[in-house]
Amino acid sequence: MITIFNRRTVYFGFDMKAYADMKDRLEAMGIKYKTSVKNRGSALGRGTSLGVGRDFDQMYQYEIWVHADDYERVK
């Protein structure tokens, strides 16, 4: 089981394609992982009609963790 005490980050960024590629790689290797996707837009600006055209490629933040024992296999 992956917990906050035994996990290591293998991807952190804003690129959805790189996030998906890492997930595919982990699945192909049979490595269990956990993910987090955060919407960094707000109701008062970025990513809404009030902030159209501003940093849409930076709107979502992605992170993938694996168990610390699997970290070396992923690198």
N, C-alpha and C. Protein backbone atom coordinates (compact mmCIF):
# COMPACT_ATOMS: atom_id res chain seq x y z
N MET A 1 0.84 -1.17 0.00
CA MET A 1 0.00 0.00 0.00
C MET A 1 0.90 1.25 0.00
N ILE A 2 0.51 2.21 -0.78
CA ILE A 2 1.26 3.46 -0.88
C ILE A 2 0.64 4.47 0.10
N THR A 3 1.47 4.98 1.00
CA THR A 3 1.01 5.98 1.96
C THR A 3 1.92 7.19 1.89
N ILE A 4 1.57 8.21 2.61
CA ILE A 4 2.37 9.43 2.63
C ILE A 4 3.76 9.17 3.23
N PHE A 5 3.89 8.11 4.01
CA PHE A 5 5.15 7.81 4.68
C PHE A 5 6.11 6.97 3.85
N ASN A 6 5.61 6.31 2.80
CA ASN A 6 6.49 5.42 2.02
C ASN A 6 6.45 5.69 0.52
N ARG A 7 6.08 6.86 0.11
CA ARG A 7 5.96 7.14 -1.31
C ARG A 7 7.04 8.09 -1.79
N ARG A 8 7.29 8.02 -3.11
CA ARG A 8 8.25 8.93 -3.76
C ARG A 8 7.57 9.46 -5.03
N THR A 9 7.82 10.70 -5.34
CA THR A 9 7.25 11.32 -6.53
C THR A 9 8.06 10.94 -7.76
N VAL A 10 7.36 10.44 -8.79
CA VAL A 10 8.02 10.10 -10.05
C VAL A 10 7.63 11.07 -11.17
N TYR A 11 6.55 11.82 -10.97
CA TYR A 11 6.20 12.87 -11.93
C TYR A 11 5.50 13.99 -11.17
N PHE A 12 5.90 15.22 -11.48
CA PHE A 12 5.25 16.41 -10.96
C PHE A 12 5.34 17.47 -12.04
N GLY A 13 4.21 17.94 -12.53
CA GLY A 13 4.25 18.96 -13.57
C GLY A 13 2.89 19.32 -14.09
N PHE A 14 2.88 19.99 -15.23
CA PHE A 14 1.66 20.53 -15.80
C PHE A 14 1.34 19.96 -17.18
N ASP A 15 2.15 19.04 -17.66
CA ASP A 15 2.00 18.48 -19.00
C ASP A 15 1.15 17.21 -18.95
N MET A 16 -0.07 17.27 -19.49
CA MET A 16 -0.98 16.13 -19.44
C MET A 16 -0.44 14.94 -20.22
N LYS A 17 0.25 15.18 -21.33
CA LYS A 17 0.80 14.08 -22.12
C LYS A 17 1.91 13.37 -21.35
N ALA A 18 2.80 14.11 -20.72
CA ALA A 18 3.87 13.51 -19.93
C ALA A 18 3.29 12.72 -18.74
N TYR A 19 2.23 13.25 -18.15
CA TYR A 19 1.53 12.56 -17.05
C TYR A 19 0.97 11.23 -17.54
N ALA A 20 0.29 11.25 -18.68
CA ALA A 20 -0.30 10.03 -19.24
C ALA A 20 0.79 9.04 -19.64
N ASP A 21 1.88 9.54 -20.22
CA ASP A 21 2.99 8.66 -20.61
C ASP A 21 3.59 7.96 -19.39
N MET A 22 3.76 8.67 -18.29
CA MET A 22 4.31 8.06 -17.08
C MET A 22 3.35 7.01 -16.52
N LYS A 23 2.05 7.30 -16.53
CA LYS A 23 1.09 6.31 -16.06
C LYS A 23 1.14 5.06 -16.92
N ASP A 24 1.23 5.22 -18.25
CA ASP A 24 1.33 4.07 -19.15
C ASP A 24 2.58 3.26 -18.87
N ARG A 25 3.68 3.95 -18.63
CA ARG A 25 4.96 3.28 -18.34
C ARG A 25 4.87 2.47 -17.05
N LEU A 26 4.28 3.05 -16.02
CA LEU A 26 4.14 2.36 -14.74
C LEU A 26 3.25 1.13 -14.88
N GLU A 27 2.15 1.27 -15.62
CA GLU A 27 1.25 0.14 -15.83
C GLU A 27 1.94 -0.98 -16.60
N ALA A 28 2.74 -0.62 -17.60
CA ALA A 28 3.47 -1.62 -18.39
C ALA A 28 4.48 -2.37 -17.53
N MET A 29 5.03 -1.68 -16.54
CA MET A 29 6.01 -2.29 -15.64
C MET A 29 5.35 -3.03 -14.48
N GLY A 30 4.04 -2.89 -14.34
CA GLY A 30 3.32 -3.55 -13.25
C GLY A 30 3.52 -2.89 -11.91
N ILE A 31 3.82 -1.60 -11.90
CA ILE A 31 4.07 -0.86 -10.66
C ILE A 31 2.80 -0.13 -10.25
N LYS A 32 2.41 -0.31 -9.00
CA LYS A 32 1.25 0.40 -8.47
C LYS A 32 1.63 1.86 -8.21
N TYR A 33 0.66 2.75 -8.38
CA TYR A 33 0.92 4.17 -8.20
C TYR A 33 -0.33 4.88 -7.72
N LYS A 34 -0.15 6.07 -7.22
CA LYS A 34 -1.24 6.97 -6.83
C LYS A 34 -1.04 8.28 -7.57
N THR A 35 -2.14 8.96 -7.86
CA THR A 35 -2.04 10.23 -8.59
C THR A 35 -2.81 11.34 -7.88
N SER A 36 -2.48 12.54 -8.27
CA SER A 36 -3.20 13.72 -7.82
C SER A 36 -3.27 14.68 -9.00
N VAL A 37 -4.47 15.20 -9.25
CA VAL A 37 -4.67 16.22 -10.27
C VAL A 37 -5.37 17.39 -9.59
N LYS A 38 -4.73 18.54 -9.65
CA LYS A 38 -5.30 19.73 -9.01
C LYS A 38 -5.62 20.77 -10.07
N ASN A 39 -6.83 21.29 -10.00
CA ASN A 39 -7.25 22.39 -10.86
C ASN A 39 -6.80 23.68 -10.19
N ARG A 40 -5.87 24.37 -10.82
CA ARG A 40 -5.33 25.59 -10.23
C ARG A 40 -6.11 26.82 -10.64
N GLY A 41 -7.18 26.65 -11.42
CA GLY A 41 -8.02 27.78 -11.80
C GLY A 41 -8.86 28.22 -10.61
N SER A 42 -9.36 29.42 -10.66
CA SER A 42 -10.20 29.90 -9.56
C SER A 42 -11.48 30.50 -10.14
N ALA A 43 -12.44 30.67 -9.29
CA ALA A 43 -13.72 31.22 -9.72
C ALA A 43 -13.63 32.71 -10.05
N LEU A 44 -12.54 33.35 -9.70
CA LEU A 44 -12.43 34.79 -9.92
C LEU A 44 -11.35 35.18 -10.92
N GLY A 45 -10.95 34.26 -11.76
CA GLY A 45 -9.91 34.66 -12.70
C GLY A 45 -9.43 33.53 -13.56
N ARG A 46 -8.26 33.05 -13.28
CA ARG A 46 -7.62 32.05 -14.12
C ARG A 46 -8.54 30.89 -14.44
N GLY A 47 -8.70 30.63 -15.73
CA GLY A 47 -9.47 29.48 -16.16
C GLY A 47 -10.96 29.70 -16.24
N THR A 48 -11.43 30.90 -15.96
CA THR A 48 -12.86 31.19 -16.07
C THR A 48 -13.06 32.22 -17.16
N SER A 49 -14.29 32.60 -17.38
CA SER A 49 -14.58 33.58 -18.42
C SER A 49 -13.91 34.92 -18.12
N LEU A 50 -13.60 35.19 -16.87
CA LEU A 50 -12.92 36.43 -16.53
C LEU A 50 -11.45 36.39 -16.89
N GLY A 51 -10.89 35.16 -17.03
CA GLY A 51 -9.47 35.04 -17.29
C GLY A 51 -9.17 34.30 -18.58
N VAL A 52 -10.04 34.41 -19.57
CA VAL A 52 -9.86 33.69 -20.82
C VAL A 52 -8.52 34.04 -21.45
N GLY A 53 -7.82 32.99 -21.92
CA GLY A 53 -6.55 33.20 -22.60
C GLY A 53 -5.34 33.25 -21.70
N ARG A 54 -5.51 32.98 -20.43
CA ARG A 54 -4.39 33.07 -19.49
C ARG A 54 -4.00 31.70 -18.97
N ASP A 55 -2.83 31.19 -19.36
CA ASP A 55 -2.22 30.01 -18.75
C ASP A 55 -3.08 28.76 -18.72
N PHE A 56 -3.78 28.45 -19.80
CA PHE A 56 -4.59 27.24 -19.81
C PHE A 56 -3.72 25.99 -19.73
N ASP A 57 -2.51 26.03 -20.28
CA ASP A 57 -1.63 24.87 -20.19
C ASP A 57 -1.04 24.71 -18.80
N GLN A 58 -1.19 25.67 -17.95
CA GLN A 58 -0.73 25.60 -16.56
C GLN A 58 -1.88 25.46 -15.57
N MET A 59 -3.07 25.18 -16.07
CA MET A 59 -4.25 25.15 -15.23
C MET A 59 -4.31 23.92 -14.32
N TYR A 60 -3.84 22.78 -14.83
CA TYR A 60 -3.87 21.54 -14.05
C TYR A 60 -2.47 21.12 -13.64
N GLN A 61 -2.34 20.75 -12.39
CA GLN A 61 -1.07 20.29 -11.83
C GLN A 61 -1.20 18.79 -11.55
N TYR A 62 -0.26 18.01 -12.09
CA TYR A 62 -0.30 16.56 -11.98
C TYR A 62 0.84 16.06 -11.12
N GLU A 63 0.57 15.01 -10.33
CA GLU A 63 1.62 14.37 -9.54
C GLU A 63 1.35 12.88 -9.48
N ILE A 64 2.42 12.09 -9.59
CA ILE A 64 2.32 10.63 -9.49
C ILE A 64 3.32 10.15 -8.47
N TRP A 65 2.86 9.27 -7.57
CA TRP A 65 3.73 8.68 -6.56
C TRP A 65 3.78 7.17 -6.73
N VAL A 66 4.92 6.60 -6.39
CA VAL A 66 5.07 5.15 -6.31
C VAL A 66 5.60 4.81 -4.93
N HIS A 67 5.52 3.53 -4.58
CA HIS A 67 6.10 3.08 -3.31
C HIS A 67 7.60 3.30 -3.37
N ALA A 68 8.19 3.67 -2.26
CA ALA A 68 9.63 3.97 -2.22
C ALA A 68 10.47 2.79 -2.71
N ASP A 69 10.01 1.57 -2.49
CA ASP A 69 10.75 0.38 -2.93
C ASP A 69 10.79 0.26 -4.45
N ASP A 70 9.81 0.85 -5.15
CA ASP A 70 9.75 0.78 -6.62
C ASP A 70 10.41 1.97 -7.30
N TYR A 71 10.81 2.95 -6.53
CA TYR A 71 11.33 4.20 -7.11
C TYR A 71 12.54 3.98 -8.03
N GLU A 72 13.48 3.17 -7.62
CA GLU A 72 14.68 2.93 -8.43
C GLU A 72 14.36 2.24 -9.76
N ARG A 73 13.34 1.40 -9.77
CA ARG A 73 12.94 0.72 -11.01
C ARG A 73 12.38 1.71 -12.03
N VAL A 74 11.78 2.77 -11.56
CA VAL A 74 11.12 3.75 -12.46
C VAL A 74 12.13 4.70 -13.06
N LYS A 75 13.17 5.05 -12.31
CA LYS A 75 14.14 6.04 -12.79
C LYS A 75 14.79 5.61 -14.04
